[in-house]
Amino acid sequence: MTTRGGEVVPRTVPPKAREATSESPVCHVRTSSAVADPAAQADLVAERRGS
């Protein structure tokens, strides 16, 4: 779990949040190769949020 802006973000990103995050160009570039693998994409998104 990661605290972001006083909000607890679960390791597994909800589909809706993942869709919203994929709108970001940087995130899209990082996850474009993992689009076929939702689990890997969620990990990348969570890693990005944690940094």
C-alpha atoms as a PDB file:
ATOM      1  CA  MET A   1       0.000   0.000   0.000  1.00  0.00           C
ATOM      2  CA  THR A   2       1.214   3.484  -0.806  1.00  0.00           C
ATOM      3  CA  THR A   3       0.035   6.732   0.724  1.00  0.00           C
ATOM      4  CA  ARG A   4      -0.454   9.398  -1.934  1.00  0.00           C
ATOM      5  CA  GLY A   5      -1.849  12.779  -0.995  1.00  0.00           C
ATOM      6  CA  GLY A   6      -3.189  11.377   2.266  1.00  0.00           C
ATOM      7  CA  GLU A   7      -5.003   8.706   0.266  1.00  0.00           C
ATOM      8  CA  VAL A   8      -4.180   5.007   0.528  1.00  0.00           C
ATOM      9  CA  VAL A   9      -3.509   3.520  -2.899  1.00  0.00           C
ATOM     10  CA  PRO A  10      -3.760  -0.288  -3.044  1.00  0.00           C
ATOM     11  CA  ARG A  11      -1.050  -2.257  -4.848  1.00  0.00           C
ATOM     12  CA  THR A  12      -3.702  -3.567  -7.246  1.00  0.00           C
ATOM     13  CA  VAL A  13      -4.957  -0.572  -9.183  1.00  0.00           C
ATOM     14  CA  PRO A  14      -8.706  -0.667  -9.949  1.00  0.00           C
ATOM     15  CA  PRO A  15      -9.588  -0.900 -13.681  1.00  0.00           C
ATOM     16  CA  LYS A  16     -11.111   2.585 -13.666  1.00  0.00           C
ATOM     17  CA  ALA A  17      -8.005   4.122 -12.110  1.00  0.00           C
ATOM     18  CA  ARG A  18      -5.804   2.188 -14.539  1.00  0.00           C
ATOM     19  CA  GLU A  19      -7.767   3.593 -17.491  1.00  0.00           C
ATOM     20  CA  ALA A  20      -7.485   7.130 -16.169  1.00  0.00           C
ATOM     21  CA  THR A  21      -3.755   6.731 -15.558  1.00  0.00           C
ATOM     22  CA  SER A  22      -3.167   5.330 -19.055  1.00  0.00           C
ATOM     23  CA  GLU A  23      -4.167   8.746 -20.417  1.00  0.00           C
ATOM     24  CA  SER A  24      -0.791  10.056 -19.262  1.00  0.00           C
ATOM     25  CA  PRO A  25       1.721   9.975 -22.179  1.00  0.00           C
ATOM     26  CA  VAL A  26       4.632   9.003 -19.933  1.00  0.00           C
ATOM     27  CA  CYS A  27       2.641   6.226 -18.300  1.00  0.00           C
ATOM     28  CA  HIS A  28       1.438   5.032 -21.705  1.00  0.00           C
ATOM     29  CA  VAL A  29       5.014   4.775 -22.968  1.00  0.00           C
ATOM     30  CA  ARG A  30       6.081   2.835 -19.878  1.00  0.00           C
ATOM     31  CA  THR A  31       3.134   0.441 -19.987  1.00  0.00           C
ATOM     32  CA  SER A  32       2.583   0.107 -23.743  1.00  0.00           C
ATOM     33  CA  SER A  33       4.504  -3.180 -23.777  1.00  0.00           C
ATOM     34  CA  ALA A  34       2.478  -4.482 -20.827  1.00  0.00           C
ATOM     35  CA  VAL A  35      -0.991  -3.613 -22.123  1.00  0.00           C
ATOM     36  CA  ALA A  36      -1.591  -7.294 -22.875  1.00  0.00           C
ATOM     37  CA  ASP A  37      -0.683  -8.108 -19.262  1.00  0.00           C
ATOM     38  CA  PRO A  38      -2.962  -6.178 -16.852  1.00  0.00           C
ATOM     39  CA  ALA A  39      -1.051  -7.450 -13.816  1.00  0.00           C
ATOM     40  CA  ALA A  40       2.270  -6.146 -15.139  1.00  0.00           C
ATOM     41  CA  GLN A  41       0.634  -2.862 -16.119  1.00  0.00           C
ATOM     42  CA  ALA A  42      -0.850  -2.481 -12.640  1.00  0.00           C
ATOM     43  CA  ASP A  43       2.596  -3.095 -11.144  1.00  0.00           C
ATOM     44  CA  LEU A  44       4.125  -0.387 -13.326  1.00  0.00           C
ATOM     45  CA  VAL A  45       1.351   2.047 -12.437  1.00  0.00           C
ATOM     46  CA  ALA A  46       1.737   1.274  -8.737  1.00  0.00           C
ATOM     47  CA  GLU A  47       5.507   1.676  -9.025  1.00  0.00           C
ATOM     48  CA  ARG A  48       5.056   5.023 -10.771  1.00  0.00           C
ATOM     49  CA  ARG A  49       2.686   6.202  -8.021  1.00  0.00           C
ATOM     50  CA  GLY A  50       5.077   5.071  -5.329  1.00  0.00           C
ATOM     51  CA  SER A  51       7.953   7.171  -6.650  1.00  0.00           C
END
